[in-house]
Amino acid sequence: MSGDERDGGSVRRPRPVGRPQLPPGPLRDLKHLLHDVYLAAGAPSLDTVADLVADDDDAPGAPGRDSVRRILWTSALPPSQADVASVAAALAREARWDPVDLEVRARDLWVRAWTARPLGTPVGDLNDPIALEVHAAIDAGSGTDAGDARLLPPYVVRAHDVRLAEAVARAVDGRSTLVVLVGGSSTGKTRACWEAVKSLPTGWRLWHPAEHPRPAAFLRDVERIGPRTVVWLNEIELYLRSERDGEHVAAALRKVLHDPHLAPVLVLGTVWPEHWQSLCAAAFADGACPRAEVSRLLTGHGIEVPDAFGEDDVPALAEAARGDARLAQALRDASERRFTQYLAGVPVLLERFHTAPAPGRALVHAAFALRSFGLGPVLPERLLTAVAPAFLSAAQWDEAHQEGAVDWPDGHLARLARPARGVPGPLAVVRPRPGEAEPTETHYRLADYLWQRASEYRAPLPAGEDALFGSVLNHATLEELASMAASTARQTAYYARLRRRGSPHADRALVWFTARLTRSWGWVWAGGKRAEAERAGSFWAAMCWAQVLAERDHEPDTLLDTLSTARVRGELSQALEWIDDAVAAGHPDGRLYLEAGARQLVYDERFDEAVVCYRRLGAPLDLPFSMWWLVSLLARRGDTETAYELLRPHLTARDPGSLRIAEELELPRPPEAPPADTET
């Protein structure tokens, strides 16, 4: 039938067709542009559009009715740029738009759509599971192809694989799906995802946003996700754990999963159980939670991966082991049916760690310490080599530098980074991926399994805790201090509130948190830092360290001394900023600090500011000498109204000293207050 339907000689136009539904990108922009001009031209029939093009002797193309239909009404990219330009110009003339401008825009969008690279790699082209962070298996020393680290052992399907396959089937059927495998290190989570991806039909692509930082890599290209895309988020906490960026990533993922024009999309993630609990905490919390988007995204989408094989799984593993020496070795030597951990090289890691010379073990212990401070998982060589000496005795340090010894630290780091029997070393070098910028310094990653069991291998500190923490503070960057601070600040509510409040003194806030970190580890290191800050005139920082000493000694005099020193040095405003932040953050001694600041303002003859401080105190306190002095000065200057306002809470509380001062200065008294006892 023609594009025009005829009934009794009259012509009835068809109802205009809606816009083609497409994911964001140049093809959608092209189709929407053509649809807009089509409607503006009065939604002509396909035959009419073809006739309009044919009547234009200068048209670069000559599309027929079917070609016009594909250009305007389908979601496919038209094969001919000339036909697209011809249709755009013809419709523009009918709509009284600028035909030259519209033709140029249509040509540009067609080229961009034609040359746009689809996001990800076709699943049929994936042949390197190690590149997707699947753990390489051990080399059983068979001398066969099984020793190739990229050739994985035969796979044994378990219960979690069945649930994962059901989720993949939903995606293949057209429903966008999220699934996260939750299990400990080296339990087979990523390998299970790899096996699931291999089952996808032709037409699916896999996108792995692995550049550092990972949230930025994800957010940069998320708009390019199209239908039949696998979003590969191994160690999903790296994308979601940041309060700000994690919420943005979660919101973007939820948008993708609920967009019918992008379906189907399959999001595969892996995570350790402790990270899963942290990310989903909002689901179990009362009231508002700053991680609500992350929790809403993940809750209900986890699949547990057990630490060990079940008894029912062992026969299938034994059958597979008949043709693979690695599985046979794991079946023979692994304890508690933890075969995947064995295959991932845990015995090799443990042996290399325990048998390393003292300097090598010290570097691993340094990595343990830095991870426990909140840094990582990638650690700079600068901090590893600065912290490691704290784990060496004087004799061991001397031996590390004797002639003939392994070079410190390069030789030991090289040994620890060297792969063995198909698995990375205890401290593996992190190398940039193609297209990533070269780092300014070498970074290492502590083996996951060692980090999970770090508490079992804690070493003494022959050089003392001061040396350990001092080396961190002296060599860490501001960003690294911020990471440590964030990890520790979460343990104390009012410090966390200060952090969220966004103090304009961000660098000073780092000092605050670092001071708290010092105290949380029980190190008496703050005295020298306070003196150093005072000498440098950095009294906001000095107040931080003084507060640590005050809490240690249960005596505020140290902090008040620093406040007085700040006034003498002309830097009282810095110290007062610290007090303002402490009060705003709900510090339990905030009122004491506020009164001390008001006293110093009186001594500095900044009376108006002192009045403001005393007003903020609100409820009555024991009348301090500085306040008595301020009230007296105000009354003698004739400002009896302000003097009385400051004294009134104390008069109302029937403070004898306040009543005497009111009488001496001839200030009014509350009617209910009795006369002062002159003999007192």
Foldseek 3Di string as FASTA:
>chain_A
DFQWDDDPNDTDHDDAADQEQAFDDLLSVLQVLLSVLCVLLVVDGLQVLLVLLVVDPPQQDRDHSVLSCCNHPYSDQRPDLSVSLSSQLSSCVSSVHDSVVRSVSNSVSSVRVVPPDAAAAWLVPDQALVVLVDFFFFFLPPPDPLLPSRDHADDFDDDLLVVVLVQLVVQLVWAAGEAEEEAAPLLCQSVSVNVSSNPDDTPAGEHEQDAPQSLVSCVVCLSSQAERYEYEQEAVCSQQVDLPSNLVNLVSVVCQNPDSNRGHYYYYYYHYPVSVCVLLVVVVDPDDDSNVSSNVSCPPRYGYRYQADDPVRVVVLVVSCVPHVSSVVLNPPPPPRNSSCVRSPPVVQVVCLVPPPLLLVLLLLQLLVLVVLQDDQKAFPQSSLLQSLQQDAPVSVVVCPDPPHQPPPVRSLVVQQDDDRSGGGQWHWDAGDPPHDGDPGIITGGDRVCNVVVVVVNGDGNNDPCSNLVSCVVRPDLVSLVSSLVVVQVVPQLLVVLVVVPDPPSSLNSLLSSLVVCVVVPHLPLPVVLVVCVVVLQLSSNLSSQVSVCVVVVHNVSNLVSCLSCLVVVNNVSVVVSLVSCVVSPPVCSLVSLLSSLLSCLVSVVLVVSLVSLVVSPADDQDDPSLLVSLVVCLVVVNLVSSCVSLQNVLVVLPLVSLVSCVVSVHDGDPVHDHHDVVD
